[in-house]
């Protein structure tokens, strides 16, 4: 009986603490943080792509280099 009571208490405590960690405010804040991080990452990719296009148009890099670097930038990006 003692082991059963101890197990029940531990289980109740685990569920009560777990519920606190997953409150709506926490989940919303985590989602906003993830969205902000993704937006910053994509903005950085956009700046790199713009700089690459400017270098290509100005003749500072060859078409092969342009295509190679464009492929590298587009890997892992949601937009490009």
PDB file of N, CA and C in Angstrom:
ATOM      1  N   UNK A   1       0.822  -1.194   0.000  1.00  0.00           N
ATOM      2  CA  UNK A   1       0.000   0.000   0.000  1.00  0.00           C
ATOM      3  C   UNK A   1       0.869   1.261   0.000  1.00  0.00           C
ATOM      4  N   UNK A   2       1.972   1.236   0.705  1.00  0.00           N
ATOM      5  CA  UNK A   2       2.851   2.386   0.786  1.00  0.00           C
ATOM      6  C   UNK A   2       3.447   2.723  -0.576  1.00  0.00           C
ATOM      7  N   UNK A   3       3.846   1.706  -1.337  1.00  0.00           N
ATOM      8  CA  UNK A   3       4.407   1.933  -2.675  1.00  0.00           C
ATOM      9  C   UNK A   3       3.344   2.496  -3.606  1.00  0.00           C
ATOM     10  N   UNK A   4       2.135   2.048  -3.468  1.00  0.00           N
ATOM     11  CA  UNK A   4       1.046   2.522  -4.314  1.00  0.00           C
ATOM     12  C   UNK A   4       0.755   3.995  -4.047  1.00  0.00           C
ATOM     13  N   UNK A   5       0.739   4.390  -2.781  1.00  0.00           N
ATOM     14  CA  UNK A   5       0.507   5.794  -2.429  1.00  0.00           C
ATOM     15  C   UNK A   5       1.642   6.674  -2.930  1.00  0.00           C
ATOM     16  N   UNK A   6       2.864   6.214  -2.776  1.00  0.00           N
ATOM     17  CA  UNK A   6       4.017   6.979  -3.236  1.00  0.00           C
ATOM     18  C   UNK A   6       3.977   7.146  -4.748  1.00  0.00           C
ATOM     19  N   UNK A   7       3.641   6.086  -5.463  1.00  0.00           N
ATOM     20  CA  UNK A   7       3.557   6.152  -6.920  1.00  0.00           C
ATOM     21  C   UNK A   7       2.447   7.106  -7.352  1.00  0.00           C
ATOM     22  N   UNK A   8       1.323   7.075  -6.653  1.00  0.00           N
ATOM     23  CA  UNK A   8       0.206   7.956  -6.991  1.00  0.00           C
ATOM     24  C   UNK A   8       0.593   9.419  -6.767  1.00  0.00           C
ATOM     25  N   UNK A   9       1.288   9.707  -5.668  1.00  0.00           N
ATOM     26  CA  UNK A   9       1.711  11.073  -5.370  1.00  0.00           C
ATOM     27  C   UNK A   9       2.709  11.567  -6.418  1.00  0.00           C
ATOM     28  N   UNK A  10       3.652  10.724  -6.777  1.00  0.00           N
ATOM     29  CA  UNK A  10       4.637  11.104  -7.795  1.00  0.00           C
ATOM     30  C   UNK A  10       3.948  11.365  -9.129  1.00  0.00           C
ATOM     31  N   UNK A  11       3.005  10.540  -9.476  1.00  0.00           N
ATOM     32  CA  UNK A  11       2.267  10.703 -10.726  1.00  0.00           C
ATOM     33  C   UNK A  11       1.469  12.000 -10.735  1.00  0.00           C
ATOM     34  N   UNK A  12       0.799  12.287  -9.643  1.00  0.00           N
ATOM     35  CA  UNK A  12       0.013  13.525  -9.547  1.00  0.00           C
ATOM     36  C   UNK A  12       0.928  14.738  -9.648  1.00  0.00           C
ATOM     37  N   UNK A  13       2.063  14.698  -8.984  1.00  0.00           N
ATOM     38  CA  UNK A  13       3.007  15.815  -9.037  1.00  0.00           C
ATOM     39  C   UNK A  13       3.567  16.003 -10.441  1.00  0.00           C
ATOM     40  N   UNK A  14       3.864  14.904 -11.108  1.00  0.00           N
ATOM     41  CA  UNK A  14       4.408  14.994 -12.465  1.00  0.00           C
ATOM     42  C   UNK A  14       3.413  15.645 -13.416  1.00  0.00           C
ATOM     43  N   UNK A  15       2.146  15.250 -13.304  1.00  0.00           N
ATOM     44  CA  UNK A  15       1.136  15.829 -14.180  1.00  0.00           C
ATOM     45  C   UNK A  15       0.871  17.294 -13.842  1.00  0.00           C
ATOM     46  N   UNK A  16       0.913  17.658 -12.576  1.00  0.00           N
ATOM     47  CA  UNK A  16       0.661  19.051 -12.217  1.00  0.00           C
ATOM     48  C   UNK A  16       1.812  19.952 -12.670  1.00  0.00           C
ATOM     49  N   UNK A  17       3.057  19.512 -12.524  1.00  0.00           N
ATOM     50  CA  UNK A  17       4.193  20.309 -12.977  1.00  0.00           C
ATOM     51  C   UNK A  17       4.252  20.357 -14.503  1.00  0.00           C
ATOM     52  N   UNK A  18       3.896  19.276 -15.148  1.00  0.00           N
ATOM     53  CA  UNK A  18       3.887  19.248 -16.610  1.00  0.00           C
ATOM     54  C   UNK A  18       2.878  20.214 -17.182  1.00  0.00           C
ATOM     55  N   UNK A  19       1.742  20.346 -16.533  1.00  0.00           N
ATOM     56  CA  UNK A  19       0.712  21.278 -16.983  1.00  0.00           C
ATOM     57  C   UNK A  19       1.161  22.716 -16.878  1.00  0.00           C
ATOM     58  N   UNK A  20       1.951  23.032 -15.872  1.00  0.00           N
ATOM     59  CA  UNK A  20       2.451  24.396 -15.716  1.00  0.00           C
ATOM     60  C   UNK A  20       3.438  24.756 -16.814  1.00  0.00           C
ATOM     61  N   UNK A  21       4.243  23.806 -17.216  1.00  0.00           N
ATOM     62  CA  UNK A  21       5.247  24.070 -18.242  1.00  0.00           C
ATOM     63  C   UNK A  21       4.663  24.259 -19.620  1.00  0.00           C
ATOM     64  N   UNK A  22       3.475  23.787 -19.845  1.00  0.00           N
ATOM     65  CA  UNK A  22       2.860  23.858 -21.167  1.00  0.00           C
ATOM     66  C   UNK A  22       1.679  24.816 -21.178  1.00  0.00           C
ATOM     67  N   UNK A  23       1.760  25.885 -20.429  1.00  0.00           N
ATOM     68  CA  UNK A  23       0.664  26.845 -20.415  1.00  0.00           C
ATOM     69  C   UNK A  23       0.595  27.564 -21.758  1.00  0.00           C
ATOM     70  N   UNK A  24      -0.519  28.174 -22.012  1.00  0.00           N
ATOM     71  CA  UNK A  24      -0.718  28.857 -23.300  1.00  0.00           C
ATOM     72  C   UNK A  24       0.284  29.983 -23.499  1.00  0.00           C
ATOM     73  N   UNK A  25       0.584  30.706 -22.440  1.00  0.00           N
ATOM     74  CA  UNK A  25       1.539  31.810 -22.552  1.00  0.00           C
ATOM     75  C   UNK A  25       2.919  31.324 -22.947  1.00  0.00           C
ATOM     76  N   UNK A  26       3.326  30.206 -22.375  1.00  0.00           N
ATOM     77  CA  UNK A  26       4.638  29.652 -22.691  1.00  0.00           C
ATOM     78  C   UNK A  26       4.680  29.171 -24.136  1.00  0.00           C
ATOM     79  N   UNK A  27       3.648  28.462 -24.564  1.00  0.00           N
ATOM     80  CA  UNK A  27       3.607  27.937 -25.931  1.00  0.00           C
ATOM     81  C   UNK A  27       3.563  29.089 -26.929  1.00  0.00           C
ATOM     82  N   UNK A  28       2.771  30.121 -26.627  1.00  0.00           N
ATOM     83  CA  UNK A  28       2.697  31.281 -27.520  1.00  0.00           C
ATOM     84  C   UNK A  28       4.020  32.006 -27.612  1.00  0.00           C
ATOM     85  N   UNK A  29       4.706  32.149 -26.478  1.00  0.00           N
ATOM     86  CA  UNK A  29       6.006  32.809 -26.478  1.00  0.00           C
ATOM     87  C   UNK A  29       7.042  32.019 -27.243  1.00  0.00           C
ATOM     88  N   UNK A  30       6.996  30.704 -27.101  1.00  0.00           N
ATOM     89  CA  UNK A  30       7.933  29.854 -27.835  1.00  0.00           C
ATOM     90  C   UNK A  30       7.679  29.944 -29.335  1.00  0.00           C
ATOM     91  N   UNK A  31       6.410  29.966 -29.723  1.00  0.00           N
ATOM     92  CA  UNK A  31       6.079  30.062 -31.145  1.00  0.00           C
ATOM     93  C   UNK A  31       6.520  31.414 -31.716  1.00  0.00           C
ATOM     94  N   UNK A  32       6.312  32.475 -30.948  1.00  0.00           N
ATOM     95  CA  UNK A  32       6.734  33.804 -31.409  1.00  0.00           C
ATOM     96  C   UNK A  32       8.251  33.877 -31.534  1.00  0.00           C
ATOM     97  N   UNK A  33       8.952  33.273 -30.600  1.00  0.00           N
ATOM     98  CA  UNK A  33      10.407  33.254 -30.667  1.00  0.00           C
ATOM     99  C   UNK A  33      10.914  32.494 -31.870  1.00  0.00           C
ATOM    100  N   UNK A  34      10.285  31.361 -32.152  1.00  0.00           N
ATOM    101  CA  UNK A  34      10.680  30.561 -33.314  1.00  0.00           C
ATOM    102  C   UNK A  34      10.395  31.317 -34.613  1.00  0.00           C
ATOM    103  N   UNK A  35       9.258  31.987 -34.671  1.00  0.00           N
ATOM    104  CA  UNK A  35       8.916  32.746 -35.876  1.00  0.00           C
ATOM    105  C   UNK A  35       9.891  33.899 -36.078  1.00  0.00           C
ATOM    106  N   UNK A  36      10.252  34.575 -34.998  1.00  0.00           N
ATOM    107  CA  UNK A  36      11.208  35.680 -35.097  1.00  0.00           C
ATOM    108  C   UNK A  36      12.571  35.214 -35.558  1.00  0.00           C
ATOM    109  N   UNK A  37      13.006  34.079 -35.045  1.00  0.00           N
ATOM    110  CA  UNK A  37      14.294  33.527 -35.447  1.00  0.00           C
ATOM    111  C   UNK A  37      14.281  33.144 -36.919  1.00  0.00           C
ATOM    112  N   UNK A  38      13.194  32.523 -37.360  1.00  0.00           N
ATOM    113  CA  UNK A  38      13.076  32.134 -38.771  1.00  0.00           C
ATOM    114  C   UNK A  38      13.073  33.354 -39.677  1.00  0.00           C
ATOM    115  N   UNK A  39      12.365  34.392 -39.258  1.00  0.00           N
ATOM    116  CA  UNK A  39      12.305  35.605 -40.070  1.00  0.00           C
ATOM    117  C   UNK A  39      13.688  36.245 -40.184  1.00  0.00           C
ATOM    118  N   UNK A  40      14.426  36.282 -39.095  1.00  0.00           N
ATOM    119  CA  UNK A  40      15.775  36.857 -39.126  1.00  0.00           C
ATOM    120  C   UNK A  40      16.697  36.040 -40.021  1.00  0.00           C
ATOM    121  N   UNK A  41      16.573  34.740 -39.976  1.00  0.00           N
ATOM    122  CA  UNK A  41      17.388  33.856 -40.808  1.00  0.00           C
ATOM    123  C   UNK A  41      17.084  34.080 -42.292  1.00  0.00           C
ATOM    124  N   UNK A  42      15.797  34.166 -42.621  1.00  0.00           N
ATOM    125  CA  UNK A  42      15.415  34.383 -44.014  1.00  0.00           C
ATOM    126  C   UNK A  42      15.827  35.772 -44.495  1.00  0.00           C
ATOM    127  N   UNK A  43      15.771  36.754 -43.616  1.00  0.00           N
ATOM    128  CA  UNK A  43      16.204  38.103 -43.991  1.00  0.00           C
ATOM    129  C   UNK A  43      17.698  38.106 -44.315  1.00  0.00           C
ATOM    130  N   UNK A  44      18.469  37.370 -43.533  1.00  0.00           N
ATOM    131  CA  UNK A  44      19.909  37.256 -43.793  1.00  0.00           C
ATOM    132  C   UNK A  44      20.149  36.602 -45.151  1.00  0.00           C
ATOM    133  N   UNK A  45      19.383  35.560 -45.467  1.00  0.00           N
ATOM    134  CA  UNK A  45      19.501  34.904 -46.776  1.00  0.00           C
ATOM    135  C   UNK A  45      19.146  35.879 -47.895  1.00  0.00           C
ATOM    136  N   UNK A  46      18.123  36.702 -47.673  1.00  0.00           N
ATOM    137  CA  UNK A  46      17.705  37.689 -48.666  1.00  0.00           C
ATOM    138  C   UNK A  46      18.835  38.694 -48.924  1.00  0.00           C
ATOM    139  N   UNK A  47      19.486  39.158 -47.854  1.00  0.00           N
ATOM    140  CA  UNK A  47      20.590  40.100 -48.009  1.00  0.00           C
ATOM    141  C   UNK A  47      21.752  39.465 -48.767  1.00  0.00           C
ATOM    142  N   UNK A  48      22.055  38.208 -48.477  1.00  0.00           N
ATOM    143  CA  UNK A  48      23.134  37.515 -49.180  1.00  0.00           C
ATOM    144  C   UNK A  48      22.812  37.372 -50.657  1.00  0.00           C
ATOM    145  N   UNK A  49      21.563  37.035 -50.965  1.00  0.00           N
ATOM    146  CA  UNK A  49      21.158  36.854 -52.365  1.00  0.00           C
ATOM    147  C   UNK A  49      21.214  38.188 -53.113  1.00  0.00           C
ATOM    148  N   UNK A  50      20.801  39.265 -52.483  1.00  0.00           N
ATOM    149  CA  UNK A  50      20.850  40.589 -53.102  1.00  0.00           C
ATOM    150  C   UNK A  50      22.297  41.003 -53.385  1.00  0.00           C
ATOM    151  N   UNK A  51      23.177  40.760 -52.428  1.00  0.00           N
ATOM    152  CA  UNK A  51      24.595  41.074 -52.609  1.00  0.00           C
ATOM    153  C   UNK A  51      25.193  40.240 -53.737  1.00  0.00           C
ATOM    154  N   UNK A  52      24.802  38.969 -53.815  1.00  0.00           N
ATOM    155  CA  UNK A  52      25.290  38.086 -54.870  1.00  0.00           C
ATOM    156  C   UNK A  52      24.838  38.574 -56.243  1.00  0.00           C
ATOM    157  N   UNK A  53      23.564  38.958 -56.344  1.00  0.00           N
ATOM    158  CA  UNK A  53      23.055  39.461 -57.624  1.00  0.00           C
ATOM    159  C   UNK A  53      23.757  40.749 -58.026  1.00  0.00           C
ATOM    160  N   UNK A  54      24.021  41.618 -57.054  1.00  0.00           N
ATOM    161  CA  UNK A  54      24.744  42.856 -57.354  1.00  0.00           C
ATOM    162  C   UNK A  54      26.160  42.568 -57.854  1.00  0.00           C
ATOM    163  N   UNK A  55      26.835  41.602 -57.214  1.00  0.00           N
ATOM    164  CA  UNK A  55      28.187  41.229 -57.654  1.00  0.00           C
ATOM    165  C   UNK A  55      28.171  40.665 -59.072  1.00  0.00           C
ATOM    166  N   UNK A  56      27.168  39.861 -59.392  1.00  0.00           N
ATOM    167  CA  UNK A  56      27.078  39.268 -60.726  1.00  0.00           C
ATOM    168  C   UNK A  56      26.807  40.347 -61.779  1.00  0.00           C
ATOM    169  N   UNK A  57      25.862  41.240 -61.475  1.00  0.00           N
ATOM    170  CA  UNK A  57      25.534  42.298 -62.437  1.00  0.00           C
ATOM    171  C   UNK A  57      26.706  43.250 -62.659  1.00  0.00           C
ATOM    172  N   UNK A  58      27.512  43.466 -61.629  1.00  0.00           N
ATOM    173  CA  UNK A  58      28.665  44.357 -61.743  1.00  0.00           C
ATOM    174  C   UNK A  58      29.858  43.672 -62.391  1.00  0.00           C
ATOM    175  N   UNK A  59      29.771  42.363 -62.617  1.00  0.00           N
ATOM    176  CA  UNK A  59      30.846  41.637 -63.270  1.00  0.00           C
ATOM    177  C   UNK A  59      31.973  41.223 -62.337  1.00  0.00           C
ATOM    178  N   UNK A  60      31.735  41.275 -61.037  1.00  0.00           N
ATOM    179  CA  UNK A  60      32.774  40.890 -60.081  1.00  0.00           C
ATOM    180  C   UNK A  60      32.909  39.382 -59.934  1.00  0.00           C
ATOM    181  N   UNK A  61      31.881  38.622 -60.344  1.00  0.00           N
ATOM    182  CA  UNK A  61      31.946  37.157 -60.287  1.00  0.00           C
ATOM    183  C   UNK A  61      31.431  36.591 -61.599  1.00  0.00           C
ATOM    184  N   UNK A  62      31.864  35.377 -61.905  1.00  0.00           N
ATOM    185  CA  UNK A  62      31.435  34.713 -63.146  1.00  0.00           C
ATOM    186  C   UNK A  62      30.053  34.092 -62.949  1.00  0.00           C
ATOM    187  N   UNK A  63      29.471  33.658 -64.071  1.00  0.00           N
ATOM    188  CA  UNK A  63      28.154  33.015 -64.001  1.00  0.00           C
ATOM    189  C   UNK A  63      28.240  31.702 -63.232  1.00  0.00           C
ATOM    190  N   UNK A  64      29.329  30.962 -63.412  1.00  0.00           N
ATOM    191  CA  UNK A  64      29.504  29.701 -62.680  1.00  0.00           C
ATOM    192  C   UNK A  64      29.553  29.941 -61.172  1.00  0.00           C
ATOM    193  N   UNK A  65      30.320  30.950 -60.775  1.00  0.00           N
ATOM    194  CA  UNK A  65      30.414  31.284 -59.350  1.00  0.00           C
ATOM    195  C   UNK A  65      29.059  31.752 -58.817  1.00  0.00           C
ATOM    196  N   UNK A  66      28.358  32.540 -59.621  1.00  0.00           N
ATOM    197  CA  UNK A  66      27.025  33.021 -59.237  1.00  0.00           C
ATOM    198  C   UNK A  66      26.081  31.847 -58.980  1.00  0.00           C
ATOM    199  N   UNK A  67      26.034  30.919 -59.920  1.00  0.00           N
ATOM    200  CA  UNK A  67      25.125  29.774 -59.773  1.00  0.00           C
ATOM    201  C   UNK A  67      25.508  28.884 -58.593  1.00  0.00           C
ATOM    202  N   UNK A  68      26.804  28.720 -58.386  1.00  0.00           N
ATOM    203  CA  UNK A  68      27.283  27.904 -57.267  1.00  0.00           C
ATOM    204  C   UNK A  68      26.892  28.524 -55.928  1.00  0.00           C
ATOM    205  N   UNK A  69      27.153  29.813 -55.796  1.00  0.00           N
ATOM    206  CA  UNK A  69      26.830  30.492 -54.535  1.00  0.00           C
ATOM    207  C   UNK A  69      25.326  30.632 -54.339  1.00  0.00           C
ATOM    208  N   UNK A  70      24.594  30.806 -55.423  1.00  0.00           N
ATOM    209  CA  UNK A  70      23.132  30.891 -55.324  1.00  0.00           C
ATOM    210  C   UNK A  70      22.568  29.576 -54.800  1.00  0.00           C
ATOM    211  N   UNK A  71      23.111  28.469 -55.275  1.00  0.00           N
ATOM    212  CA  UNK A  71      22.683  27.155 -54.804  1.00  0.00           C
ATOM    213  C   UNK A  71      23.002  26.980 -53.320  1.00  0.00           C
ATOM    214  N   UNK A  72      24.166  27.452 -52.900  1.00  0.00           N
ATOM    215  CA  UNK A  72      24.546  27.348 -51.487  1.00  0.00           C
ATOM    216  C   UNK A  72      23.618  28.175 -50.600  1.00  0.00           C
ATOM    217  N   UNK A  73      23.255  29.350 -51.048  1.00  0.00           N
ATOM    218  CA  UNK A  73      22.370  30.215 -50.268  1.00  0.00           C
ATOM    219  C   UNK A  73      20.973  29.622 -50.188  1.00  0.00           C
ATOM    220  N   UNK A  74      20.516  29.049 -51.292  1.00  0.00           N
ATOM    221  CA  UNK A  74      19.145  28.543 -51.319  1.00  0.00           C
ATOM    222  C   UNK A  74      18.960  27.264 -50.505  1.00  0.00           C
ATOM    223  N   UNK A  75      20.030  26.553 -50.216  1.00  0.00           N
ATOM    224  CA  UNK A  75      19.917  25.358 -49.387  1.00  0.00           C
ATOM    225  C   UNK A  75      19.536  25.757 -47.966  1.00  0.00           C
ATOM    226  N   UNK A  76      18.514  25.181 -47.453  1.00  0.00           N
ATOM    227  CA  UNK A  76      18.067  25.467 -46.106  1.00  0.00           C
ATOM    228  C   UNK A  76      17.169  26.690 -45.993  1.00  0.00           C
ATOM    229  N   UNK A  77      16.867  27.323 -47.103  1.00  0.00           N
ATOM    230  CA  UNK A  77      16.004  28.490 -47.073  1.00  0.00           C
ATOM    231  C   UNK A  77      14.590  28.100 -47.493  1.00  0.00           C
ATOM    232  N   UNK A  78      13.609  28.710 -46.871  1.00  0.00           N
ATOM    233  CA  UNK A  78      12.220  28.439 -47.238  1.00  0.00           C
ATOM    234  C   UNK A  78      11.774  29.253 -48.441  1.00  0.00           C
ATOM    235  N   UNK A  79      12.403  30.380 -48.671  1.00  0.00           N
ATOM    236  CA  UNK A  79      11.982  31.296 -49.737  1.00  0.00           C
ATOM    237  C   UNK A  79      12.714  31.027 -51.038  1.00  0.00           C
ATOM    238  N   UNK A  80      14.013  30.846 -50.987  1.00  0.00           N
ATOM    239  CA  UNK A  80      14.816  30.704 -52.210  1.00  0.00           C
ATOM    240  C   UNK A  80      14.974  29.269 -52.601  1.00  0.00           C
TER     241      UNK A  80
END
